[in-house]
Amino acid sequence: MECIFCKIIKKEVPADIEYEDQKIVAFRDIKPRAPIHILIVPKEHRIKSAADISEEDLLLVGKLILVAKKIAEKKGLIKDGYRLTFNVGPNAGAVILDHIHLHLLGGGKLGPEA
């Protein structure tokens, strides 16, 4: 069974896309925890979570962070700040457990639970 992210990548499920290239897609979270909450997702469904990152994944993980920075710049978040988060496992708040993704949160003062 394909995950929801794979369905979004294939355009089988609609999403509010903020960024897309050959390797990455970024879209608004459907249950935002901040005024701006964007998920940055590799198109390839290979890495389950940050706990599964290996040496061969460093370029892709770096690209996730660079894309987050570009989106933050575009959204005007650089001056006031933003948060980048990988949630690893359900106790950390992860809902999608089998397709790595980076959360970009900003647009206001972020508390500890964002």
PDB file of N, CA and C in Angstrom:
ATOM      1  N   MET A   1       0.832  -1.186   0.000  1.00  0.00           N
ATOM      2  CA  MET A   1       0.000   0.000   0.000  1.00  0.00           C
ATOM      3  C   MET A   1       0.880   1.255   0.000  1.00  0.00           C
ATOM      4  N   GLU A   2       0.569   2.184  -0.883  1.00  0.00           N
ATOM      5  CA  GLU A   2       1.342   3.420  -0.964  1.00  0.00           C
ATOM      6  C   GLU A   2       0.951   4.378   0.152  1.00  0.00           C
ATOM      7  N   CYS A   3       1.915   5.157   0.599  1.00  0.00           N
ATOM      8  CA  CYS A   3       1.622   6.148   1.628  1.00  0.00           C
ATOM      9  C   CYS A   3       0.982   7.383   0.990  1.00  0.00           C
ATOM     10  N   ILE A   4       0.423   8.231   1.833  1.00  0.00           N
ATOM     11  CA  ILE A   4      -0.246   9.439   1.355  1.00  0.00           C
ATOM     12  C   ILE A   4       0.728  10.351   0.622  1.00  0.00           C
ATOM     13  N   PHE A   5       1.990  10.400   1.064  1.00  0.00           N
ATOM     14  CA  PHE A   5       2.962  11.252   0.388  1.00  0.00           C
ATOM     15  C   PHE A   5       3.206  10.782  -1.042  1.00  0.00           C
ATOM     16  N   CYS A   6       3.295   9.481  -1.239  1.00  0.00           N
ATOM     17  CA  CYS A   6       3.490   8.948  -2.590  1.00  0.00           C
ATOM     18  C   CYS A   6       2.300   9.302  -3.484  1.00  0.00           C
ATOM     19  N   LYS A   7       1.103   9.280  -2.913  1.00  0.00           N
ATOM     20  CA  LYS A   7      -0.090   9.642  -3.682  1.00  0.00           C
ATOM     21  C   LYS A   7      -0.085  11.131  -4.035  1.00  0.00           C
ATOM     22  N   ILE A   8       0.394  11.969  -3.135  1.00  0.00           N
ATOM     23  CA  ILE A   8       0.525  13.400  -3.427  1.00  0.00           C
ATOM     24  C   ILE A   8       1.562  13.609  -4.519  1.00  0.00           C
ATOM     25  N   ILE A   9       2.697  12.931  -4.420  1.00  0.00           N
ATOM     26  CA  ILE A   9       3.763  13.042  -5.414  1.00  0.00           C
ATOM     27  C   ILE A   9       3.256  12.656  -6.795  1.00  0.00           C
ATOM     28  N   LYS A  10       2.425  11.614  -6.858  1.00  0.00           N
ATOM     29  CA  LYS A  10       1.870  11.151  -8.144  1.00  0.00           C
ATOM     30  C   LYS A  10       0.654  11.959  -8.583  1.00  0.00           C
ATOM     31  N   LYS A  11       0.286  12.965  -7.790  1.00  0.00           N
ATOM     32  CA  LYS A  11      -0.878  13.826  -8.070  1.00  0.00           C
ATOM     33  C   LYS A  11      -2.194  13.058  -8.007  1.00  0.00           C
ATOM     34  N   GLU A  12      -2.228  11.967  -7.262  1.00  0.00           N
ATOM     35  CA  GLU A  12      -3.464  11.200  -7.055  1.00  0.00           C
ATOM     36  C   GLU A  12      -4.302  11.794  -5.926  1.00  0.00           C
ATOM     37  N   VAL A  13      -3.638  12.564  -5.061  1.00  0.00           N
ATOM     38  CA  VAL A  13      -4.293  13.251  -3.952  1.00  0.00           C
ATOM     39  C   VAL A  13      -3.896  14.722  -4.051  1.00  0.00           C
ATOM     40  N   PRO A  14      -4.859  15.635  -3.974  1.00  0.00           N
ATOM     41  CA  PRO A  14      -4.514  17.057  -4.092  1.00  0.00           C
ATOM     42  C   PRO A  14      -3.732  17.555  -2.879  1.00  0.00           C
ATOM     43  N   ALA A  15      -2.886  18.532  -3.126  1.00  0.00           N
ATOM     44  CA  ALA A  15      -2.123  19.180  -2.067  1.00  0.00           C
ATOM     45  C   ALA A  15      -1.803  20.594  -2.508  1.00  0.00           C
ATOM     46  N   ASP A  16      -1.590  21.459  -1.535  1.00  0.00           N
ATOM     47  CA  ASP A  16      -1.210  22.843  -1.809  1.00  0.00           C
ATOM     48  C   ASP A  16       0.315  22.888  -1.935  1.00  0.00           C
ATOM     49  N   ILE A  17       0.797  22.681  -3.166  1.00  0.00           N
ATOM     50  CA  ILE A  17       2.236  22.565  -3.440  1.00  0.00           C
ATOM     51  C   ILE A  17       2.914  23.934  -3.330  1.00  0.00           C
ATOM     52  N   GLU A  18       3.984  23.984  -2.562  1.00  0.00           N
ATOM     53  CA  GLU A  18       4.772  25.201  -2.391  1.00  0.00           C
ATOM     54  C   GLU A  18       6.070  25.158  -3.199  1.00  0.00           C
ATOM     55  N   TYR A  19       6.550  23.948  -3.483  1.00  0.00           N
ATOM     56  CA  TYR A  19       7.827  23.777  -4.191  1.00  0.00           C
ATOM     57  C   TYR A  19       7.837  22.382  -4.792  1.00  0.00           C
ATOM     58  N   GLU A  20       8.454  22.273  -5.972  1.00  0.00           N
ATOM     59  CA  GLU A  20       8.635  20.945  -6.562  1.00  0.00           C
ATOM     60  C   GLU A  20       9.796  20.990  -7.542  1.00  0.00           C
ATOM     61  N   ASP A  21      10.618  19.948  -7.476  1.00  0.00           N
ATOM     62  CA  ASP A  21      11.653  19.723  -8.476  1.00  0.00           C
ATOM     63  C   ASP A  21      11.708  18.218  -8.745  1.00  0.00           C
ATOM     64  N   GLN A  22      12.767  17.744  -9.372  1.00  0.00           N
ATOM     65  CA  GLN A  22      12.841  16.324  -9.727  1.00  0.00           C
ATOM     66  C   GLN A  22      12.928  15.397  -8.522  1.00  0.00           C
ATOM     67  N   LYS A  23      13.456  15.888  -7.390  1.00  0.00           N
ATOM     68  CA  LYS A  23      13.699  15.010  -6.239  1.00  0.00           C
ATOM     69  C   LYS A  23      12.826  15.306  -5.033  1.00  0.00           C
ATOM     70  N   ILE A  24      12.241  16.508  -4.984  1.00  0.00           N
ATOM     71  CA  ILE A  24      11.561  16.945  -3.772  1.00  0.00           C
ATOM     72  C   ILE A  24      10.231  17.605  -4.109  1.00  0.00           C
ATOM     73  N   VAL A  25       9.270  17.417  -3.230  1.00  0.00           N
ATOM     74  CA  VAL A  25       8.011  18.162  -3.288  1.00  0.00           C
ATOM     75  C   VAL A  25       7.744  18.711  -1.883  1.00  0.00           C
ATOM     76  N   ALA A  26       7.231  19.937  -1.826  1.00  0.00           N
ATOM     77  CA  ALA A  26       6.903  20.559  -0.544  1.00  0.00           C
ATOM     78  C   ALA A  26       5.472  21.080  -0.625  1.00  0.00           C
ATOM     79  N   PHE A  27       4.711  20.823   0.422  1.00  0.00           N
ATOM     80  CA  PHE A  27       3.308  21.215   0.410  1.00  0.00           C
ATOM     81  C   PHE A  27       2.853  21.558   1.822  1.00  0.00           C
ATOM     82  N   ARG A  28       1.757  22.318   1.889  1.00  0.00           N
ATOM     83  CA  ARG A  28       1.214  22.725   3.181  1.00  0.00           C
ATOM     84  C   ARG A  28       0.653  21.514   3.931  1.00  0.00           C
ATOM     85  N   ASP A  29       0.916  21.477   5.230  1.00  0.00           N
ATOM     86  CA  ASP A  29       0.374  20.434   6.093  1.00  0.00           C
ATOM     87  C   ASP A  29      -1.135  20.642   6.233  1.00  0.00           C
ATOM     88  N   ILE A  30      -1.912  19.568   6.186  1.00  0.00           N
ATOM     89  CA  ILE A  30      -3.369  19.710   6.280  1.00  0.00           C
ATOM     90  C   ILE A  30      -3.838  19.959   7.721  1.00  0.00           C
ATOM     91  N   LYS A  31      -2.958  19.724   8.699  1.00  0.00           N
ATOM     92  CA  LYS A  31      -3.271  20.033  10.100  1.00  0.00           C
ATOM     93  C   LYS A  31      -2.125  20.887  10.660  1.00  0.00           C
ATOM     94  N   PRO A  32      -2.060  22.147  10.222  1.00  0.00           N
ATOM     95  CA  PRO A  32      -0.908  22.985  10.587  1.00  0.00           C
ATOM     96  C   PRO A  32      -0.797  23.245  12.086  1.00  0.00           C
ATOM     97  N   ARG A  33       0.453  23.286  12.550  1.00  0.00           N
ATOM     98  CA  ARG A  33       0.740  23.577  13.954  1.00  0.00           C
ATOM     99  C   ARG A  33       1.348  24.954  14.105  1.00  0.00           C
ATOM    100  N   ALA A  34       1.363  25.708  12.998  1.00  0.00           N
ATOM    101  CA  ALA A  34       1.866  27.078  12.973  1.00  0.00           C
ATOM    102  C   ALA A  34       1.210  27.772  11.787  1.00  0.00           C
ATOM    103  N   PRO A  35       1.225  29.113  11.748  1.00  0.00           N
ATOM    104  CA  PRO A  35       0.631  29.805  10.604  1.00  0.00           C
ATOM    105  C   PRO A  35       1.185  29.323   9.252  1.00  0.00           C
ATOM    106  N   ILE A  36       2.466  29.018   9.228  1.00  0.00           N
ATOM    107  CA  ILE A  36       3.077  28.401   8.051  1.00  0.00           C
ATOM    108  C   ILE A  36       3.625  27.047   8.492  1.00  0.00           C
ATOM    109  N   HIS A  37       3.120  25.993   7.886  1.00  0.00           N
ATOM    110  CA  HIS A  37       3.565  24.630   8.208  1.00  0.00           C
ATOM    111  C   HIS A  37       3.629  23.857   6.902  1.00  0.00           C
ATOM    112  N   ILE A  38       4.836  23.649   6.435  1.00  0.00           N
ATOM    113  CA  ILE A  38       5.068  23.014   5.144  1.00  0.00           C
ATOM    114  C   ILE A  38       5.878  21.741   5.345  1.00  0.00           C
ATOM    115  N   LEU A  39       5.481  20.683   4.654  1.00  0.00           N
ATOM    116  CA  LEU A  39       6.197  19.413   4.684  1.00  0.00           C
ATOM    117  C   LEU A  39       7.078  19.326   3.444  1.00  0.00           C
ATOM    118  N   ILE A  40       8.345  19.015   3.639  1.00  0.00           N
ATOM    119  CA  ILE A  40       9.307  18.880   2.547  1.00  0.00           C
ATOM    120  C   ILE A  40       9.647  17.397   2.455  1.00  0.00           C
ATOM    121  N   VAL A  41       9.319  16.804   1.296  1.00  0.00           N
ATOM    122  CA  VAL A  41       9.312  15.348   1.158  1.00  0.00           C
ATOM    123  C   VAL A  41      10.125  14.916  -0.061  1.00  0.00           C
ATOM    124  N   PRO A  42      11.050  13.963   0.093  1.00  0.00           N
ATOM    125  CA  PRO A  42      11.709  13.417  -1.093  1.00  0.00           C
ATOM    126  C   PRO A  42      10.703  12.601  -1.905  1.00  0.00           C
ATOM    127  N   LYS A  43      10.808  12.682  -3.214  1.00  0.00           N
ATOM    128  CA  LYS A  43       9.886  11.930  -4.071  1.00  0.00           C
ATOM    129  C   LYS A  43      10.141  10.432  -4.000  1.00  0.00           C
ATOM    130  N   GLU A  44      11.374  10.068  -3.781  1.00  0.00           N
ATOM    131  CA  GLU A  44      11.699   8.649  -3.685  1.00  0.00           C
ATOM    132  C   GLU A  44      11.333   8.130  -2.301  1.00  0.00           C
ATOM    133  N   HIS A  45      10.534   7.088  -2.258  1.00  0.00           N
ATOM    134  CA  HIS A  45      10.109   6.477  -0.993  1.00  0.00           C
ATOM    135  C   HIS A  45      11.129   5.391  -0.635  1.00  0.00           C
ATOM    136  N   ARG A  46      12.209   5.839   0.013  1.00  0.00           N
ATOM    137  CA  ARG A  46      13.298   4.921   0.333  1.00  0.00           C
ATOM    138  C   ARG A  46      13.705   5.011   1.800  1.00  0.00           C
ATOM    139  N   ILE A  47      13.697   6.206   2.356  1.00  0.00           N
ATOM    140  CA  ILE A  47      14.110   6.416   3.742  1.00  0.00           C
ATOM    141  C   ILE A  47      12.846   6.543   4.592  1.00  0.00           C
ATOM    142  N   LYS A  48      12.739   5.716   5.628  1.00  0.00           N
ATOM    143  CA  LYS A  48      11.539   5.752   6.474  1.00  0.00           C
ATOM    144  C   LYS A  48      11.519   6.970   7.394  1.00  0.00           C
ATOM    145  N   SER A  49      12.625   7.238   8.080  1.00  0.00           N
ATOM    146  CA  SER A  49      12.670   8.367   9.020  1.00  0.00           C
ATOM    147  C   SER A  49      14.114   8.817   9.184  1.00  0.00           C
ATOM    148  N   ALA A  50      14.285   9.876   9.954  1.00  0.00           N
ATOM    149  CA  ALA A  50      15.640  10.370  10.210  1.00  0.00           C
ATOM    150  C   ALA A  50      16.492   9.299  10.890  1.00  0.00           C
ATOM    151  N   ALA A  51      15.861   8.386  11.607  1.00  0.00           N
ATOM    152  CA  ALA A  51      16.593   7.295  12.261  1.00  0.00           C
ATOM    153  C   ALA A  51      17.198   6.325  11.251  1.00  0.00           C
ATOM    154  N   ASP A  52      16.733   6.381  10.016  1.00  0.00           N
ATOM    155  CA  ASP A  52      17.204   5.461   8.980  1.00  0.00           C
ATOM    156  C   ASP A  52      18.170   6.101   7.987  1.00  0.00           C
ATOM    157  N   ILE A  53      18.569   7.344   8.240  1.00  0.00           N
ATOM    158  CA  ILE A  53      19.491   8.029   7.336  1.00  0.00           C
ATOM    159  C   ILE A  53      20.857   7.357   7.388  1.00  0.00           C
ATOM    160  N   SER A  54      21.444   7.173   6.202  1.00  0.00           N
ATOM    161  CA  SER A  54      22.791   6.608   6.115  1.00  0.00           C
ATOM    162  C   SER A  54      23.697   7.593   5.365  1.00  0.00           C
ATOM    163  N   GLU A  55      24.961   7.250   5.286  1.00  0.00           N
ATOM    164  CA  GLU A  55      25.937   8.093   4.584  1.00  0.00           C
ATOM    165  C   GLU A  55      25.492   8.405   3.154  1.00  0.00           C
ATOM    166  N   GLU A  56      24.891   7.432   2.491  1.00  0.00           N
ATOM    167  CA  GLU A  56      24.479   7.639   1.101  1.00  0.00           C
ATOM    168  C   GLU A  56      23.308   8.616   0.974  1.00  0.00           C
ATOM    169  N   ASP A  57      22.665   8.968   2.075  1.00  0.00           N
ATOM    170  CA  ASP A  57      21.508   9.861   2.058  1.00  0.00           C
ATOM    171  C   ASP A  57      21.861  11.319   2.354  1.00  0.00           C
ATOM    172  N   LEU A  58      23.124  11.598   2.627  1.00  0.00           N
ATOM    173  CA  LEU A  58      23.504  12.934   3.071  1.00  0.00           C
ATOM    174  C   LEU A  58      23.150  14.022   2.064  1.00  0.00           C
ATOM    175  N   LEU A  59      23.351  13.771   0.786  1.00  0.00           N
ATOM    176  CA  LEU A  59      23.033  14.765  -0.237  1.00  0.00           C
ATOM    177  C   LEU A  59      21.531  15.060  -0.260  1.00  0.00           C
ATOM    178  N   LEU A  60      20.724  14.034  -0.197  1.00  0.00           N
ATOM    179  CA  LEU A  60      19.271  14.218  -0.232  1.00  0.00           C
ATOM    180  C   LEU A  60      18.779  14.954   1.018  1.00  0.00           C
ATOM    181  N   VAL A  61      19.275  14.575   2.178  1.00  0.00           N
ATOM    182  CA  VAL A  61      18.867  15.229   3.421  1.00  0.00           C
ATOM    183  C   VAL A  61      19.313  16.693   3.412  1.00  0.00           C
ATOM    184  N   GLY A  62      20.508  16.950   2.911  1.00  0.00           N
ATOM    185  CA  GLY A  62      20.973  18.333   2.762  1.00  0.00           C
ATOM    186  C   GLY A  62      20.071  19.125   1.831  1.00  0.00           C
ATOM    187  N   LYS A  63      19.604  18.486   0.772  1.00  0.00           N
ATOM    188  CA  LYS A  63      18.690  19.155  -0.168  1.00  0.00           C
ATOM    189  C   LYS A  63      17.358  19.471   0.495  1.00  0.00           C
ATOM    190  N   LEU A  64      16.854  18.581   1.354  1.00  0.00           N
ATOM    191  CA  LEU A  64      15.619  18.874   2.086  1.00  0.00           C
ATOM    192  C   LEU A  64      15.778  20.164   2.896  1.00  0.00           C
ATOM    193  N   ILE A  65      16.913  20.306   3.562  1.00  0.00           N
ATOM    194  CA  ILE A  65      17.166  21.487   4.389  1.00  0.00           C
ATOM    195  C   ILE A  65      17.332  22.733   3.523  1.00  0.00           C
ATOM    196  N   LEU A  66      18.024  22.610   2.408  1.00  0.00           N
ATOM    197  CA  LEU A  66      18.197  23.746   1.498  1.00  0.00           C
ATOM    198  C   LEU A  66      16.853  24.197   0.918  1.00  0.00           C
ATOM    199  N   VAL A  67      16.002  23.252   0.544  1.00  0.00           N
ATOM    200  CA  VAL A  67      14.667  23.599   0.041  1.00  0.00           C
ATOM    201  C   VAL A  67      13.877  24.310   1.139  1.00  0.00           C
ATOM    202  N   ALA A  68      13.979  23.846   2.368  1.00  0.00           N
ATOM    203  CA  ALA A  68      13.298  24.506   3.485  1.00  0.00           C
ATOM    204  C   ALA A  68      13.766  25.953   3.612  1.00  0.00           C
ATOM    205  N   LYS A  69      15.051  26.179   3.490  1.00  0.00           N
ATOM    206  CA  LYS A  69      15.595  27.543   3.567  1.00  0.00           C
ATOM    207  C   LYS A  69      15.045  28.408   2.441  1.00  0.00           C
ATOM    208  N   LYS A  70      14.985  27.871   1.231  1.00  0.00           N
ATOM    209  CA  LYS A  70      14.460  28.635   0.090  1.00  0.00           C
ATOM    210  C   LYS A  70      12.996  29.000   0.306  1.00  0.00           C
ATOM    211  N   ILE A  71      12.217  28.065   0.813  1.00  0.00           N
ATOM    212  CA  ILE A  71      10.807  28.344   1.081  1.00  0.00           C
ATOM    213  C   ILE A  71      10.687  29.391   2.192  1.00  0.00           C
ATOM    214  N   ALA A  72      11.504  29.266   3.235  1.00  0.00           N
ATOM    215  CA  ALA A  72      11.492  30.240   4.332  1.00  0.00           C
ATOM    216  C   ALA A  72      11.810  31.639   3.814  1.00  0.00           C
ATOM    217  N   GLU A  73      12.778  31.740   2.910  1.00  0.00           N
ATOM    218  CA  GLU A  73      13.099  33.038   2.303  1.00  0.00           C
ATOM    219  C   GLU A  73      11.906  33.579   1.533  1.00  0.00           C
ATOM    220  N   LYS A  74      11.300  32.726   0.710  1.00  0.00           N
ATOM    221  CA  LYS A  74      10.149  33.118  -0.110  1.00  0.00           C
ATOM    222  C   LYS A  74       8.972  33.585   0.760  1.00  0.00           C
ATOM    223  N   LYS A  75       8.796  32.949   1.905  1.00  0.00           N
ATOM    224  CA  LYS A  75       7.690  33.270   2.810  1.00  0.00           C
ATOM    225  C   LYS A  75       8.021  34.410   3.778  1.00  0.00           C
ATOM    226  N   GLY A  76       9.234  34.942   3.711  1.00  0.00           N
ATOM    227  CA  GLY A  76       9.624  36.046   4.583  1.00  0.00           C
ATOM    228  C   GLY A  76       9.878  35.640   6.017  1.00  0.00           C
ATOM    229  N   LEU A  77      10.331  34.419   6.226  1.00  0.00           N
ATOM    230  CA  LEU A  77      10.534  33.909   7.580  1.00  0.00           C
ATOM    231  C   LEU A  77      11.948  34.112   8.118  1.00  0.00           C
ATOM    232  N   ILE A  78      12.869  34.525   7.280  1.00  0.00           N
ATOM    233  CA  ILE A  78      14.280  34.587   7.683  1.00  0.00           C
ATOM    234  C   ILE A  78      14.498  35.556   8.847  1.00  0.00           C
ATOM    235  N   LYS A  79      13.912  36.731   8.786  1.00  0.00           N
ATOM    236  CA  LYS A  79      14.143  37.747   9.814  1.00  0.00           C
ATOM    237  C   LYS A  79      13.662  37.305  11.204  1.00  0.00           C
ATOM    238  N   ASP A  80      12.433  36.807  11.279  1.00  0.00           N
ATOM    239  CA  ASP A  80      11.851  36.465  12.582  1.00  0.00           C
ATOM    240  C   ASP A  80      12.108  35.030  13.016  1.00  0.00           C
ATOM    241  N   GLY A  81      12.535  34.187  12.085  1.00  0.00           N
ATOM    242  CA  GLY A  81      12.893  32.815  12.433  1.00  0.00           C
ATOM    243  C   GLY A  81      11.848  31.791  12.043  1.00  0.00           C
ATOM    244  N   TYR A  82      12.294  30.565  12.043  1.00  0.00           N
ATOM    245  CA  TYR A  82      11.447  29.426  11.696  1.00  0.00           C
ATOM    246  C   TYR A  82      12.050  28.189  12.328  1.00  0.00           C
ATOM    247  N   ARG A  83      11.306  27.102  12.288  1.00  0.00           N
ATOM    248  CA  ARG A  83      11.760  25.845  12.876  1.00  0.00           C
ATOM    249  C   ARG A  83      11.755  24.757  11.813  1.00  0.00           C
ATOM    250  N   LEU A  84      12.778  23.911  11.839  1.00  0.00           N
ATOM    251  CA  LEU A  84      12.847  22.717  11.005  1.00  0.00           C
ATOM    252  C   LEU A  84      12.838  21.521  11.935  1.00  0.00           C
ATOM    253  N   THR A  85      11.971  20.535  11.621  1.00  0.00           N
ATOM    254  CA  THR A  85      11.837  19.384  12.508  1.00  0.00           C
ATOM    255  C   THR A  85      11.668  18.091  11.732  1.00  0.00           C
ATOM    256  N   PHE A  86      12.412  17.069  12.146  1.00  0.00           N
ATOM    257  CA  PHE A  86      12.155  15.688  11.746  1.00  0.00           C
ATOM    258  C   PHE A  86      11.530  15.015  12.966  1.00  0.00           C
ATOM    259  N   ASN A  87      10.306  14.556  12.864  1.00  0.00           N
ATOM    260  CA  ASN A  87       9.689  13.797  13.951  1.00  0.00           C
ATOM    261  C   ASN A  87      10.001  12.316  13.725  1.00  0.00           C
ATOM    262  N   VAL A  88      10.602  11.688  14.711  1.00  0.00           N
ATOM    263  CA  VAL A  88      11.005  10.287  14.580  1.00  0.00           C
ATOM    264  C   VAL A  88      10.179   9.447  15.553  1.00  0.00           C
ATOM    265  N   GLY A  89       9.219   8.722  15.007  1.00  0.00           N
ATOM    266  CA  GLY A  89       8.385   7.837  15.817  1.00  0.00           C
ATOM    267  C   GLY A  89       7.165   8.526  16.392  1.00  0.00           C
ATOM    268  N   PRO A  90       6.195   7.743  16.797  1.00  0.00           N
ATOM    269  CA  PRO A  90       4.922   8.284  17.293  1.00  0.00           C
ATOM    270  C   PRO A  90       5.054   9.115  18.570  1.00  0.00           C
ATOM    271  N   ASN A  91       5.985   8.789  19.451  1.00  0.00           N
ATOM    272  CA  ASN A  91       6.145   9.576  20.675  1.00  0.00           C
ATOM    273  C   ASN A  91       6.673  10.978  20.393  1.00  0.00           C
ATOM    274  N   ALA A  92       7.252  11.178  19.224  1.00  0.00           N
ATOM    275  CA  ALA A  92       7.740  12.500  18.831  1.00  0.00           C
ATOM    276  C   ALA A  92       6.699  13.256  18.009  1.00  0.00           C
ATOM    277  N   GLY A  93       5.554  12.642  17.787  1.00  0.00           N
ATOM    278  CA  GLY A  93       4.498  13.302  17.034  1.00  0.00           C
ATOM    279  C   GLY A  93       4.413  12.890  15.579  1.00  0.00           C
ATOM    280  N   ALA A  94       5.221  11.932  15.162  1.00  0.00           N
ATOM    281  CA  ALA A  94       5.183  11.483  13.765  1.00  0.00           C
ATOM    282  C   ALA A  94       3.847  10.795  13.490  1.00  0.00           C
ATOM    283  N   VAL A  95       3.234  11.168  12.380  1.00  0.00           N
ATOM    284  CA  VAL A  95       1.985  10.549  11.949  1.00  0.00           C
ATOM    285  C   VAL A  95       2.260   9.633  10.757  1.00  0.00           C
ATOM    286  N   ILE A  96       3.002  10.139   9.790  1.00  0.00           N
ATOM    287  CA  ILE A  96       3.446   9.331   8.649  1.00  0.00           C
ATOM    288  C   ILE A  96       4.776   8.715   9.077  1.00  0.00           C
ATOM    289  N   LEU A  97       4.796   7.399   9.242  1.00  0.00           N
ATOM    290  CA  LEU A  97       5.952   6.736   9.849  1.00  0.00           C
ATOM    291  C   LEU A  97       6.892   6.079   8.849  1.00  0.00           C
ATOM    292  N   ASP A  98       6.544   6.076   7.567  1.00  0.00           N
ATOM    293  CA  ASP A  98       7.381   5.301   6.647  1.00  0.00           C
ATOM    294  C   ASP A  98       7.883   6.080   5.439  1.00  0.00           C
ATOM    295  N   HIS A  99       7.855   7.416   5.490  1.00  0.00           N
ATOM    296  CA  HIS A  99       8.375   8.241   4.391  1.00  0.00           C
ATOM    297  C   HIS A  99       8.940   9.509   5.016  1.00  0.00           C
ATOM    298  N   ILE A 100      10.264   9.608   5.065  1.00  0.00           N
ATOM    299  CA  ILE A 100      10.912  10.741   5.725  1.00  0.00           C
ATOM    300  C   ILE A 100      10.380  12.065   5.181  1.00  0.00           C
ATOM    301  N   HIS A 101      10.238  13.033   6.058  1.00  0.00           N
ATOM    302  CA  HIS A 101       9.816  14.372   5.664  1.00  0.00           C
ATOM    303  C   HIS A 101      10.273  15.363   6.727  1.00  0.00           C
ATOM    304  N   LEU A 102      10.504  16.573   6.270  1.00  0.00           N
ATOM    305  CA  LEU A 102      10.976  17.655   7.119  1.00  0.00           C
ATOM    306  C   LEU A 102       9.852  18.671   7.271  1.00  0.00           C
ATOM    307  N   HIS A 103       9.588  19.076   8.508  1.00  0.00           N
ATOM    308  CA  HIS A 103       8.577  20.095   8.777  1.00  0.00           C
ATOM    309  C   HIS A 103       9.244  21.465   8.816  1.00  0.00           C
ATOM    310  N   LEU A 104       8.670  22.431   8.120  1.00  0.00           N
ATOM    311  CA  LEU A 104       9.057  23.842   8.192  1.00  0.00           C
ATOM    312  C   LEU A 104       7.894  24.568   8.860  1.00  0.00           C
ATOM    313  N   LEU A 105       8.164  25.172  10.016  1.00  0.00           N
ATOM    314  CA  LEU A 105       7.136  25.887  10.758  1.00  0.00           C
ATOM    315  C   LEU A 105       7.580  27.323  10.996  1.00  0.00           C
ATOM    316  N   GLY A 106       6.642  28.251  10.848  1.00  0.00           N
ATOM    317  CA  GLY A 106       6.966  29.657  11.082  1.00  0.00           C
ATOM    318  C   GLY A 106       5.736  30.522  10.939  1.00  0.00           C
ATOM    319  N   GLY A 107       5.991  31.818  10.849  1.00  0.00           N
ATOM    320  CA  GLY A 107       4.902  32.753  10.651  1.00  0.00           C
ATOM    321  C   GLY A 107       4.338  33.307  11.948  1.00  0.00           C
ATOM    322  N   GLY A 108       4.999  33.073  13.049  1.00  0.00           N
ATOM    323  CA  GLY A 108       4.568  33.554  14.355  1.00  0.00           C
ATOM    324  C   GLY A 108       5.442  32.963  15.434  1.00  0.00           C
ATOM    325  N   LYS A 109       5.227  33.398  16.659  1.00  0.00           N
ATOM    326  CA  LYS A 109       6.012  32.851  17.771  1.00  0.00           C
ATOM    327  C   LYS A 109       5.640  31.399  17.979  1.00  0.00           C
ATOM    328  N   LEU A 110       6.634  30.534  17.960  1.00  0.00           N
ATOM    329  CA  LEU A 110       6.412  29.096  18.090  1.00  0.00           C
ATOM    330  C   LEU A 110       6.655  28.659  19.542  1.00  0.00           C
ATOM    331  N   GLY A 111       5.701  27.960  20.081  1.00  0.00           N
ATOM    332  CA  GLY A 111       5.853  27.407  21.415  1.00  0.00           C
ATOM    333  C   GLY A 111       6.508  26.047  21.345  1.00  0.00           C
ATOM    334  N   PRO A 112       6.680  25.406  22.486  1.00  0.00           N
ATOM    335  CA  PRO A 112       7.350  24.104  22.523  1.00  0.00           C
ATOM    336  C   PRO A 112       6.552  22.975  21.864  1.00  0.00           C
ATOM    337  N   GLU A 113       5.244  23.164  21.656  1.00  0.00           N
ATOM    338  CA  GLU A 113       4.426  22.078  21.097  1.00  0.00           C
ATOM    339  C   GLU A 113       4.168  22.224  19.602  1.00  0.00           C
ATOM    340  N   ALA A 114       4.714  23.238  18.973  1.00  0.00           N
ATOM    341  CA  ALA A 114       4.485  23.411  17.527  1.00  0.00           C
ATOM    342  C   ALA A 114       5.245  22.385  16.739  1.00  0.00           C
TER     343      ALA A 114
END
